[in-house]
Amino acid sequence: MNASAQALSVSVVGKIANISTIFQAQFPSASVDFSPWVLDEKAQAQFDPDSVDIAFSFPSWQPPLGCGCVLLQVYFSGDIQSPSRTLRKIKMTGHDYRGQHWWFSTYTNCQGDYQFSGSCIPSDEGKRQFESVINQLRTLFGAPLPSPMQQES
């Protein structure tokens, strides 16, 4: 669901702002869109009411990221307004004007060995930047998610 639609309390507005700040700290050239979805009745029926969706656009194609825009979706176990809600998963997809190039989800593998999938995945440096975003979001929401892209020793 659009982050702007979830901004119903000062606490949630602060969390949404923190999500944006965390992403933009890793990717300073990204501009933020708190309402990435078209708000028509058909589309709204498909939204997860327990998610916060934010798009980040870059001024041009970013080769290390394999995209020009990232859709970040943060899913919770229940109503984001609830103090008992927990982080369920984080999903990111990379796009440009031709469509989606890659996707990533912390929910795809409970062992913490997460992989990017798609036609143009980020470079190792881009993956490290996304991993930093994921780890900081886990910290922000006190998440019990396994660390993303962690390699077994």
N, C-alpha and C. Protein backbone atom coordinates (compact mmCIF):
# COMPACT_ATOMS: atom_id res chain seq x y z
N MET A 1 0.85 -1.17 0.00
CA MET A 1 0.00 0.00 0.00
C MET A 1 0.90 1.23 0.00
N ASN A 2 0.49 2.24 -0.71
CA ASN A 2 1.27 3.47 -0.76
C ASN A 2 1.65 3.93 0.65
N ALA A 3 2.91 4.30 0.83
CA ALA A 3 3.37 4.79 2.12
C ALA A 3 2.55 5.99 2.57
N SER A 4 2.19 6.85 1.61
CA SER A 4 1.41 8.05 1.96
C SER A 4 0.07 7.68 2.58
N ALA A 5 -0.52 6.56 2.17
CA ALA A 5 -1.80 6.12 2.73
C ALA A 5 -1.65 5.52 4.12
N GLN A 6 -0.44 5.09 4.46
CA GLN A 6 -0.18 4.50 5.77
C GLN A 6 0.18 5.54 6.82
N ALA A 7 0.42 6.76 6.41
CA ALA A 7 0.89 7.83 7.31
C ALA A 7 -0.27 8.37 8.14
N LEU A 8 -0.75 7.56 9.09
CA LEU A 8 -1.92 7.92 9.86
C LEU A 8 -1.61 8.37 11.29
N SER A 9 -0.35 8.29 11.69
CA SER A 9 0.03 8.74 13.02
C SER A 9 1.45 9.29 12.96
N VAL A 10 1.81 10.06 13.95
CA VAL A 10 3.16 10.64 14.00
C VAL A 10 4.20 9.52 14.05
N SER A 11 3.92 8.47 14.79
CA SER A 11 4.85 7.35 14.91
C SER A 11 5.12 6.69 13.55
N VAL A 12 4.05 6.43 12.80
CA VAL A 12 4.20 5.78 11.49
C VAL A 12 4.87 6.72 10.50
N VAL A 13 4.52 8.00 10.53
CA VAL A 13 5.17 8.97 9.64
C VAL A 13 6.68 8.95 9.90
N GLY A 14 7.07 8.88 11.16
CA GLY A 14 8.49 8.81 11.51
C GLY A 14 9.15 7.57 10.96
N LYS A 15 8.49 6.43 11.05
CA LYS A 15 9.05 5.18 10.52
C LYS A 15 9.18 5.24 9.00
N ILE A 16 8.16 5.78 8.33
CA ILE A 16 8.22 5.91 6.88
C ILE A 16 9.36 6.84 6.47
N ALA A 17 9.50 7.93 7.19
CA ALA A 17 10.60 8.86 6.91
C ALA A 17 11.94 8.18 7.13
N ASN A 18 12.04 7.35 8.15
CA ASN A 18 13.28 6.61 8.41
C ASN A 18 13.59 5.62 7.29
N ILE A 19 12.57 4.96 6.74
CA ILE A 19 12.80 4.05 5.61
C ILE A 19 13.42 4.82 4.46
N SER A 20 12.85 5.97 4.15
CA SER A 20 13.36 6.81 3.07
C SER A 20 14.79 7.27 3.35
N THR A 21 15.06 7.71 4.56
CA THR A 21 16.39 8.19 4.93
C THR A 21 17.43 7.08 4.82
N ILE A 22 17.08 5.87 5.26
CA ILE A 22 17.99 4.72 5.18
C ILE A 22 18.35 4.44 3.73
N PHE A 23 17.34 4.42 2.85
CA PHE A 23 17.60 4.13 1.44
C PHE A 23 18.45 5.24 0.82
N GLN A 24 18.08 6.48 1.08
CA GLN A 24 18.79 7.60 0.46
C GLN A 24 20.20 7.78 1.02
N ALA A 25 20.47 7.26 2.20
CA ALA A 25 21.84 7.30 2.72
C ALA A 25 22.76 6.43 1.86
N GLN A 26 22.25 5.31 1.38
CA GLN A 26 23.02 4.42 0.50
C GLN A 26 23.02 4.91 -0.94
N PHE A 27 21.92 5.56 -1.34
CA PHE A 27 21.73 5.98 -2.72
C PHE A 27 21.31 7.46 -2.75
N PRO A 28 22.26 8.38 -2.52
CA PRO A 28 21.92 9.81 -2.39
C PRO A 28 21.25 10.44 -3.60
N SER A 29 21.45 9.90 -4.79
CA SER A 29 20.85 10.51 -5.98
C SER A 29 19.40 10.09 -6.20
N ALA A 30 18.89 9.19 -5.37
CA ALA A 30 17.52 8.70 -5.52
C ALA A 30 16.51 9.72 -5.02
N SER A 31 15.46 9.91 -5.80
CA SER A 31 14.33 10.72 -5.33
C SER A 31 13.23 9.77 -4.89
N VAL A 32 12.46 10.20 -3.92
CA VAL A 32 11.48 9.32 -3.30
C VAL A 32 10.07 9.64 -3.76
N ASP A 33 9.26 8.58 -3.91
CA ASP A 33 7.84 8.70 -4.23
C ASP A 33 7.07 7.87 -3.21
N PHE A 34 6.35 8.55 -2.32
CA PHE A 34 5.61 7.86 -1.27
C PHE A 34 4.26 7.32 -1.76
N SER A 35 3.93 7.57 -3.02
CA SER A 35 2.68 7.08 -3.61
C SER A 35 2.96 6.46 -4.98
N PRO A 36 3.66 5.31 -5.01
CA PRO A 36 4.03 4.73 -6.31
C PRO A 36 2.87 4.07 -7.06
N TRP A 37 1.77 3.80 -6.39
CA TRP A 37 0.66 3.08 -7.02
C TRP A 37 -0.44 4.04 -7.45
N VAL A 38 -1.07 3.74 -8.59
CA VAL A 38 -2.25 4.46 -9.05
C VAL A 38 -3.39 4.12 -8.10
N LEU A 39 -4.13 5.12 -7.72
CA LEU A 39 -5.19 4.90 -6.72
C LEU A 39 -6.56 4.74 -7.36
N ASP A 40 -6.75 3.62 -8.05
CA ASP A 40 -8.08 3.31 -8.54
C ASP A 40 -8.61 2.10 -7.77
N GLU A 41 -9.89 1.88 -7.86
CA GLU A 41 -10.54 0.84 -7.07
C GLU A 41 -9.96 -0.55 -7.35
N LYS A 42 -9.72 -0.86 -8.60
CA LYS A 42 -9.20 -2.18 -8.98
C LYS A 42 -7.80 -2.40 -8.39
N ALA A 43 -6.94 -1.41 -8.48
CA ALA A 43 -5.59 -1.53 -7.95
C ALA A 43 -5.61 -1.63 -6.43
N GLN A 44 -6.45 -0.84 -5.78
CA GLN A 44 -6.50 -0.84 -4.32
C GLN A 44 -6.90 -2.20 -3.77
N ALA A 45 -7.70 -2.94 -4.49
CA ALA A 45 -8.12 -4.27 -4.04
C ALA A 45 -6.96 -5.24 -3.99
N GLN A 46 -5.88 -4.95 -4.72
CA GLN A 46 -4.72 -5.84 -4.77
C GLN A 46 -3.64 -5.47 -3.76
N PHE A 47 -3.76 -4.32 -3.11
CA PHE A 47 -2.74 -3.87 -2.16
C PHE A 47 -2.78 -4.70 -0.89
N ASP A 48 -1.62 -4.93 -0.31
CA ASP A 48 -1.54 -5.54 1.01
C ASP A 48 -1.69 -4.41 2.02
N PRO A 49 -2.75 -4.41 2.81
CA PRO A 49 -2.96 -3.31 3.75
C PRO A 49 -1.92 -3.24 4.85
N ASP A 50 -1.11 -4.28 4.97
CA ASP A 50 -0.07 -4.32 6.00
C ASP A 50 1.31 -4.10 5.43
N SER A 51 1.40 -3.35 4.32
CA SER A 51 2.70 -3.04 3.73
C SER A 51 2.87 -1.55 3.56
N VAL A 52 4.13 -1.15 3.46
CA VAL A 52 4.50 0.22 3.15
C VAL A 52 5.31 0.15 1.87
N ASP A 53 4.80 0.78 0.80
CA ASP A 53 5.44 0.73 -0.51
C ASP A 53 5.97 2.11 -0.89
N ILE A 54 7.25 2.16 -1.24
CA ILE A 54 7.92 3.41 -1.60
C ILE A 54 8.76 3.15 -2.85
N ALA A 55 8.71 4.07 -3.80
CA ALA A 55 9.55 3.97 -5.00
C ALA A 55 10.68 5.00 -4.90
N PHE A 56 11.84 4.59 -5.41
CA PHE A 56 13.01 5.47 -5.47
C PHE A 56 13.48 5.52 -6.91
N SER A 57 13.52 6.71 -7.47
CA SER A 57 13.93 6.88 -8.87
C SER A 57 15.28 7.57 -8.93
N PHE A 58 16.07 7.16 -9.91
CA PHE A 58 17.40 7.73 -10.12
C PHE A 58 17.35 8.60 -11.37
N PRO A 59 18.27 9.58 -11.46
CA PRO A 59 18.25 10.47 -12.63
C PRO A 59 18.55 9.75 -13.94
N SER A 60 19.16 8.58 -13.87
CA SER A 60 19.46 7.80 -15.07
C SER A 60 19.66 6.34 -14.65
N TRP A 61 19.86 5.49 -15.65
CA TRP A 61 20.15 4.07 -15.42
C TRP A 61 21.37 3.96 -14.51
N GLN A 62 21.31 3.10 -13.52
CA GLN A 62 22.41 2.90 -12.58
C GLN A 62 23.02 1.51 -12.82
N PRO A 63 24.10 1.42 -13.61
CA PRO A 63 24.66 0.10 -13.92
C PRO A 63 24.94 -0.78 -12.69
N PRO A 64 25.49 -0.22 -11.59
CA PRO A 64 25.73 -1.11 -10.45
C PRO A 64 24.45 -1.67 -9.82
N LEU A 65 23.33 -0.98 -10.07
CA LEU A 65 22.06 -1.42 -9.49
C LEU A 65 21.20 -2.19 -10.49
N GLY A 66 21.56 -2.15 -11.75
CA GLY A 66 20.80 -2.87 -12.77
C GLY A 66 19.40 -2.31 -12.98
N CYS A 67 19.21 -1.00 -12.72
CA CYS A 67 17.89 -0.41 -12.87
C CYS A 67 17.98 1.11 -12.81
N GLY A 68 16.86 1.75 -13.00
CA GLY A 68 16.76 3.20 -12.87
C GLY A 68 15.76 3.59 -11.80
N CYS A 69 15.06 2.59 -11.24
CA CYS A 69 14.05 2.83 -10.21
C CYS A 69 13.92 1.57 -9.36
N VAL A 70 13.76 1.75 -8.06
CA VAL A 70 13.59 0.62 -7.15
C VAL A 70 12.26 0.79 -6.42
N LEU A 71 11.46 -0.27 -6.42
CA LEU A 71 10.25 -0.31 -5.61
C LEU A 71 10.59 -1.10 -4.35
N LEU A 72 10.46 -0.47 -3.21
CA LEU A 72 10.74 -1.09 -1.92
C LEU A 72 9.40 -1.31 -1.22
N GLN A 73 9.14 -2.56 -0.83
CA GLN A 73 7.91 -2.91 -0.14
C GLN A 73 8.28 -3.58 1.19
N VAL A 74 7.79 -2.99 2.28
CA VAL A 74 8.06 -3.49 3.62
C VAL A 74 6.73 -4.03 4.15
N TYR A 75 6.69 -5.35 4.44
CA TYR A 75 5.47 -6.02 4.85
C TYR A 75 5.52 -6.33 6.34
N PHE A 76 4.36 -6.13 7.01
CA PHE A 76 4.27 -6.36 8.44
C PHE A 76 3.28 -7.49 8.74
N SER A 77 3.37 -8.03 9.97
CA SER A 77 2.51 -9.14 10.39
C SER A 77 1.09 -8.69 10.67
N GLY A 78 0.88 -7.41 10.74
CA GLY A 78 -0.45 -6.87 11.01
C GLY A 78 -0.46 -5.39 10.76
N ASP A 79 -1.48 -4.74 11.24
CA ASP A 79 -1.65 -3.30 11.05
C ASP A 79 -0.40 -2.56 11.52
N ILE A 80 0.14 -1.72 10.65
CA ILE A 80 1.36 -0.97 10.97
C ILE A 80 1.16 -0.07 12.19
N GLN A 81 -0.09 0.30 12.48
CA GLN A 81 -0.39 1.15 13.64
C GLN A 81 -0.27 0.37 14.95
N SER A 82 -0.33 -0.95 14.88
CA SER A 82 -0.31 -1.78 16.08
C SER A 82 1.09 -1.87 16.67
N PRO A 83 1.20 -1.67 17.98
CA PRO A 83 2.52 -1.79 18.61
C PRO A 83 3.06 -3.23 18.59
N SER A 84 2.17 -4.22 18.39
CA SER A 84 2.62 -5.62 18.39
C SER A 84 3.00 -6.12 17.00
N ARG A 85 2.91 -5.26 15.98
CA ARG A 85 3.24 -5.70 14.62
C ARG A 85 4.73 -6.02 14.54
N THR A 86 5.05 -6.98 13.67
CA THR A 86 6.45 -7.34 13.43
C THR A 86 6.71 -7.31 11.92
N LEU A 87 7.95 -7.20 11.57
CA LEU A 87 8.35 -7.21 10.16
C LEU A 87 8.22 -8.62 9.62
N ARG A 88 7.47 -8.76 8.52
CA ARG A 88 7.24 -10.07 7.90
C ARG A 88 8.22 -10.34 6.78
N LYS A 89 8.40 -9.36 5.87
CA LYS A 89 9.35 -9.52 4.78
C LYS A 89 9.63 -8.16 4.16
N ILE A 90 10.71 -8.12 3.39
CA ILE A 90 11.07 -6.94 2.62
C ILE A 90 11.27 -7.40 1.19
N LYS A 91 10.66 -6.69 0.27
CA LYS A 91 10.77 -7.02 -1.15
C LYS A 91 11.25 -5.78 -1.90
N MET A 92 12.15 -5.98 -2.84
CA MET A 92 12.62 -4.91 -3.71
C MET A 92 12.58 -5.41 -5.14
N THR A 93 12.19 -4.51 -6.05
CA THR A 93 12.23 -4.82 -7.47
C THR A 93 12.89 -3.65 -8.19
N GLY A 94 13.70 -3.97 -9.21
CA GLY A 94 14.39 -2.95 -10.00
C GLY A 94 13.74 -2.79 -11.36
N HIS A 95 13.48 -1.54 -11.76
CA HIS A 95 12.74 -1.25 -12.99
C HIS A 95 13.43 -0.17 -13.81
N ASP A 96 13.00 -0.05 -15.06
CA ASP A 96 13.25 1.12 -15.88
C ASP A 96 12.04 1.24 -16.82
N TYR A 97 12.14 2.09 -17.81
CA TYR A 97 10.99 2.32 -18.68
C TYR A 97 10.56 1.07 -19.46
N ARG A 98 11.44 0.06 -19.54
CA ARG A 98 11.09 -1.18 -20.25
C ARG A 98 10.41 -2.19 -19.36
N GLY A 99 10.42 -1.97 -18.05
CA GLY A 99 9.78 -2.90 -17.13
C GLY A 99 10.70 -3.35 -16.01
N GLN A 100 10.32 -4.45 -15.38
CA GLN A 100 11.07 -4.98 -14.25
C GLN A 100 12.29 -5.75 -14.74
N HIS A 101 13.44 -5.53 -14.08
CA HIS A 101 14.67 -6.23 -14.42
C HIS A 101 15.08 -7.27 -13.38
N TRP A 102 14.77 -7.04 -12.13
CA TRP A 102 15.14 -7.98 -11.09
C TRP A 102 14.19 -7.87 -9.90
N TRP A 103 14.24 -8.88 -9.05
CA TRP A 103 13.48 -8.84 -7.80
C TRP A 103 14.29 -9.52 -6.71
N PHE A 104 13.96 -9.16 -5.49
CA PHE A 104 14.62 -9.70 -4.31
C PHE A 104 13.61 -9.71 -3.17
N SER A 105 13.60 -10.77 -2.37
CA SER A 105 12.70 -10.83 -1.22
C SER A 105 13.38 -11.57 -0.09
N THR A 106 13.22 -11.06 1.12
CA THR A 106 13.75 -11.76 2.29
C THR A 106 12.91 -12.98 2.63
N TYR A 107 11.78 -13.12 1.99
CA TYR A 107 10.85 -14.21 2.29
C TYR A 107 11.11 -15.46 1.47
N THR A 108 11.98 -15.39 0.46
CA THR A 108 12.15 -16.50 -0.46
C THR A 108 12.92 -17.67 0.13
N ASN A 109 13.72 -17.42 1.15
CA ASN A 109 14.54 -18.49 1.72
C ASN A 109 14.76 -18.19 3.19
N CYS A 110 14.21 -19.00 4.05
CA CYS A 110 14.30 -18.77 5.49
C CYS A 110 15.69 -19.00 6.05
N GLN A 111 16.61 -19.52 5.26
CA GLN A 111 17.97 -19.78 5.74
C GLN A 111 18.86 -18.54 5.67
N GLY A 112 18.40 -17.46 5.09
CA GLY A 112 19.20 -16.25 5.00
C GLY A 112 20.10 -16.21 3.78
N ASP A 113 19.98 -17.19 2.88
CA ASP A 113 20.79 -17.22 1.67
C ASP A 113 19.96 -16.65 0.52
N TYR A 114 19.77 -15.34 0.54
CA TYR A 114 18.89 -14.69 -0.43
C TYR A 114 19.63 -14.36 -1.71
N GLN A 115 18.90 -14.40 -2.81
CA GLN A 115 19.49 -14.14 -4.11
C GLN A 115 18.61 -13.16 -4.88
N PHE A 116 19.25 -12.34 -5.70
CA PHE A 116 18.53 -11.51 -6.65
C PHE A 116 18.22 -12.40 -7.85
N SER A 117 17.05 -12.20 -8.43
CA SER A 117 16.65 -12.94 -9.62
C SER A 117 16.24 -11.95 -10.69
N GLY A 118 16.50 -12.30 -11.94
CA GLY A 118 16.07 -11.45 -13.03
C GLY A 118 17.08 -11.36 -14.14
N SER A 119 16.80 -10.47 -15.09
CA SER A 119 17.62 -10.36 -16.29
C SER A 119 18.84 -9.46 -16.14
N CYS A 120 18.83 -8.56 -15.18
CA CYS A 120 19.92 -7.59 -15.02
C CYS A 120 20.11 -7.30 -13.54
N ILE A 121 20.69 -8.24 -12.81
CA ILE A 121 20.80 -8.09 -11.36
C ILE A 121 21.91 -7.11 -10.98
N PRO A 122 21.84 -6.55 -9.79
CA PRO A 122 22.87 -5.60 -9.35
C PRO A 122 24.25 -6.24 -9.26
N SER A 123 25.27 -5.38 -9.36
CA SER A 123 26.66 -5.82 -9.17
C SER A 123 26.87 -6.17 -7.70
N ASP A 124 28.03 -6.74 -7.39
CA ASP A 124 28.34 -7.07 -6.00
C ASP A 124 28.27 -5.84 -5.10
N GLU A 125 28.77 -4.70 -5.59
CA GLU A 125 28.71 -3.46 -4.81
C GLU A 125 27.26 -3.03 -4.60
N GLY A 126 26.45 -3.11 -5.64
CA GLY A 126 25.03 -2.79 -5.50
C GLY A 126 24.34 -3.70 -4.51
N LYS A 127 24.66 -4.99 -4.55
CA LYS A 127 24.09 -5.94 -3.59
C LYS A 127 24.48 -5.58 -2.17
N ARG A 128 25.73 -5.17 -1.96
CA ARG A 128 26.18 -4.77 -0.62
C ARG A 128 25.40 -3.54 -0.13
N GLN A 129 25.14 -2.60 -1.04
CA GLN A 129 24.36 -1.42 -0.65
C GLN A 129 22.93 -1.82 -0.27
N PHE A 130 22.32 -2.71 -1.06
CA PHE A 130 20.97 -3.17 -0.74
C PHE A 130 20.97 -3.96 0.57
N GLU A 131 22.01 -4.75 0.81
CA GLU A 131 22.11 -5.50 2.06
C GLU A 131 22.16 -4.54 3.24
N SER A 132 22.88 -3.45 3.09
CA SER A 132 22.94 -2.45 4.16
C SER A 132 21.55 -1.88 4.44
N VAL A 133 20.80 -1.57 3.38
CA VAL A 133 19.43 -1.07 3.56
C VAL A 133 18.60 -2.09 4.32
N ILE A 134 18.65 -3.36 3.90
CA ILE A 134 17.87 -4.42 4.53
C ILE A 134 18.25 -4.54 6.01
N ASN A 135 19.54 -4.58 6.32
CA ASN A 135 19.98 -4.72 7.71
C ASN A 135 19.51 -3.54 8.57
N GLN A 136 19.56 -2.34 8.02
CA GLN A 136 19.11 -1.17 8.78
C GLN A 136 17.59 -1.19 8.98
N LEU A 137 16.85 -1.68 8.00
CA LEU A 137 15.40 -1.81 8.16
C LEU A 137 15.08 -2.86 9.21
N ARG A 138 15.83 -3.93 9.22
CA ARG A 138 15.64 -4.97 10.25
C ARG A 138 15.87 -4.38 11.63
N THR A 139 16.90 -3.56 11.77
CA THR A 139 17.19 -2.91 13.05
C THR A 139 16.07 -1.93 13.42
N LEU A 140 15.64 -1.12 12.46
CA LEU A 140 14.59 -0.12 12.70
C LEU A 140 13.32 -0.77 13.23
N PHE A 141 12.94 -1.89 12.66
CA PHE A 141 11.68 -2.53 13.04
C PHE A 141 11.88 -3.70 14.00
N GLY A 142 13.11 -3.89 14.51
CA GLY A 142 13.36 -4.96 15.46
C GLY A 142 13.02 -6.32 14.90
N ALA A 143 13.43 -6.56 13.66
CA ALA A 143 13.00 -7.74 12.92
C ALA A 143 13.83 -8.97 13.23
N PRO A 144 13.17 -10.11 13.34
CA PRO A 144 13.86 -11.37 13.52
C PRO A 144 14.23 -12.04 12.20
N LEU A 145 14.22 -11.27 11.09
CA LEU A 145 14.57 -11.86 9.79
C LEU A 145 16.03 -12.25 9.77
N PRO A 146 16.38 -13.36 9.12
CA PRO A 146 17.79 -13.69 8.94
C PRO A 146 18.45 -12.61 8.09
N SER A 147 19.74 -12.46 8.25
CA SER A 147 20.48 -11.46 7.48
C SER A 147 20.48 -11.82 6.00
N PRO A 148 20.16 -10.87 5.11
CA PRO A 148 20.12 -11.16 3.68
C PRO A 148 21.49 -11.38 3.09
N MET A 149 21.52 -12.19 2.05
CA MET A 149 22.72 -12.42 1.25
C MET A 149 23.91 -12.89 2.08
N GLN A 150 23.64 -13.48 3.23
CA GLN A 150 24.69 -13.96 4.09
C GLN A 150 25.24 -15.26 3.54
N GLN A 151 26.55 -15.36 3.43
CA GLN A 151 27.18 -16.57 2.91
C GLN A 151 27.55 -17.50 4.06
N GLU A 152 27.30 -18.76 3.88
CA GLU A 152 27.69 -19.76 4.89
C GLU A 152 29.19 -19.93 4.88
N SER A 153 29.78 -20.03 6.03
CA SER A 153 31.25 -20.23 6.13
C SER A 153 31.60 -21.68 6.16
